[in-house]
Amino acid sequence: MPYKERPTQKLYYSIGEVAGMFDVKTSLIRFWEKEFDIIKPKKNAKGNRMFTNKDIENFKVIFHLVKERGFTLEGAKMKLKGNPDDVSKTTEAIEKLEKIKAYLLELKKAL
């Protein structure tokens, strides 16, 4: 049976990488970490924050609520306390729809 290569996926991301994903400053990432209990990065021996994929997903939800929908921090906290899975599913649906929109726009250009 031949060896099949799997695409590599990082287990941990630095604070700079996370800030780059969302195009925000690292200070905002640290601030949200303190404000929202769902973000719990690991820290290495030096004390550097190492964010997991779950943390990234939580940042996506928080970013969507605060930056895209205009929630206050308190409003976002209340929304996440209500039903975080519902908010996460909504965020995933929006991401999928944005990908479909981008694909359709590329298709339109090709015509």
Protein backbone atom coordinates (compact mmCIF):
# COMPACT_ATOMS: atom_id res chain seq x y z
CA MET A 1 0.00 0.00 0.00
CA PRO A 2 1.61 3.30 -1.04
CA TYR A 3 2.20 6.04 1.46
CA LYS A 4 -0.35 8.86 1.29
CA GLU A 5 0.77 12.29 2.35
CA ARG A 6 -1.61 14.19 4.54
CA PRO A 7 -1.77 17.94 4.40
CA THR A 8 -0.02 19.30 7.45
CA GLN A 9 -2.02 21.34 9.86
CA LYS A 10 -0.52 23.31 12.68
CA LEU A 11 -1.50 22.41 16.21
CA TYR A 12 -0.54 25.76 17.73
CA TYR A 13 -0.43 29.33 16.44
CA SER A 14 1.50 32.26 17.87
CA ILE A 15 -0.25 35.47 18.82
CA GLY A 16 1.25 37.19 15.79
CA GLU A 17 -0.17 34.56 13.45
CA VAL A 18 -3.62 34.87 15.02
CA ALA A 19 -3.52 38.66 14.76
CA GLY A 20 -2.51 38.32 11.11
CA MET A 21 -5.45 36.00 10.39
CA PHE A 22 -7.90 38.64 11.56
CA ASP A 23 -5.88 41.70 10.50
CA VAL A 24 -5.88 43.13 14.02
CA LYS A 25 -3.15 44.09 16.48
CA THR A 26 -1.80 41.61 18.99
CA SER A 27 -3.02 43.82 21.82
CA LEU A 28 -6.62 43.16 20.73
CA ILE A 29 -5.98 39.41 20.84
CA ARG A 30 -4.62 39.71 24.40
CA PHE A 31 -7.58 41.91 25.38
CA TRP A 32 -10.15 39.46 24.01
CA GLU A 33 -8.33 36.64 25.78
CA LYS A 34 -8.90 38.42 29.08
CA GLU A 35 -12.50 39.38 28.31
CA PHE A 36 -13.82 36.06 26.97
CA ASP A 37 -13.58 32.87 29.01
CA ILE A 38 -13.82 30.61 25.96
CA ILE A 39 -10.30 31.58 24.83
CA LYS A 40 -7.70 29.66 26.78
CA PRO A 41 -4.33 29.56 25.03
CA LYS A 42 -1.56 27.31 26.24
CA LYS A 43 1.68 28.95 27.28
CA ASN A 44 5.12 27.55 26.56
CA ALA A 45 8.11 27.65 28.92
CA LYS A 46 8.87 31.23 27.90
CA GLY A 47 5.30 32.29 28.57
CA ASN A 48 4.37 32.82 24.91
CA ARG A 49 0.74 32.20 24.08
CA MET A 50 0.09 29.24 21.80
CA PHE A 51 -3.44 29.19 20.37
CA THR A 52 -5.15 25.97 19.26
CA ASN A 53 -7.56 25.50 16.36
CA LYS A 54 -10.45 25.67 18.85
CA ASP A 55 -9.17 29.08 20.02
CA ILE A 56 -9.08 30.22 16.38
CA GLU A 57 -12.69 29.09 15.91
CA ASN A 58 -13.68 31.01 19.04
CA PHE A 59 -11.88 34.10 17.75
CA LYS A 60 -13.83 33.79 14.49
CA VAL A 61 -17.10 33.83 16.42
CA ILE A 62 -16.04 36.78 18.58
CA PHE A 63 -14.71 38.68 15.57
CA HIS A 64 -17.99 38.09 13.73
CA LEU A 65 -20.09 39.30 16.63
CA VAL A 66 -17.98 42.34 17.59
CA LYS A 67 -16.47 43.56 14.33
CA GLU A 68 -18.97 42.44 11.69
CA ARG A 69 -22.31 42.55 13.51
CA GLY A 70 -21.44 45.46 15.82
CA PHE A 71 -22.11 43.82 19.18
CA THR A 72 -20.65 45.41 22.30
CA LEU A 73 -18.33 43.20 24.34
CA GLU A 74 -21.06 42.67 26.92
CA GLY A 75 -23.57 41.84 24.19
CA ALA A 76 -21.17 39.34 22.63
CA LYS A 77 -20.57 37.73 26.03
CA MET A 78 -24.32 37.39 26.60
CA LYS A 79 -24.82 35.94 23.12
CA LEU A 80 -22.07 33.38 23.71
CA LYS A 81 -23.49 32.43 27.11
CA GLY A 82 -26.92 31.83 25.60
CA ASN A 83 -26.00 29.19 23.01
CA PRO A 84 -22.42 29.27 21.73
CA ASP A 85 -23.03 26.36 19.33
CA ASP A 86 -25.80 28.31 17.60
CA VAL A 87 -23.50 31.32 17.12
CA SER A 88 -20.73 29.05 15.86
CA LYS A 89 -23.05 27.41 13.31
CA THR A 90 -24.19 30.81 12.09
CA THR A 91 -20.59 31.92 11.66
CA GLU A 92 -19.76 28.74 9.72
CA ALA A 93 -22.77 29.27 7.46
CA ILE A 94 -21.70 32.84 6.73
CA GLU A 95 -18.17 31.67 5.85
CA LYS A 96 -19.56 29.05 3.46
CA LEU A 97 -21.85 31.59 1.82
CA GLU A 98 -18.94 34.02 1.37
CA LYS A 99 -16.92 31.27 -0.35
CA ILE A 100 -19.85 30.50 -2.65
CA LYS A 101 -20.23 34.19 -3.45
CA ALA A 102 -16.52 34.48 -4.28
CA TYR A 103 -16.76 31.42 -6.53
CA LEU A 104 -19.81 32.80 -8.34
CA LEU A 105 -18.10 36.16 -8.86
CA GLU A 106 -15.08 34.39 -10.37
CA LEU A 107 -17.40 32.40 -12.58
CA LYS A 108 -19.13 35.61 -13.69
CA LYS A 109 -15.77 37.16 -14.62
CA ALA A 110 -14.90 34.11 -16.69
CA LEU A 111 -18.04 34.49 -18.83
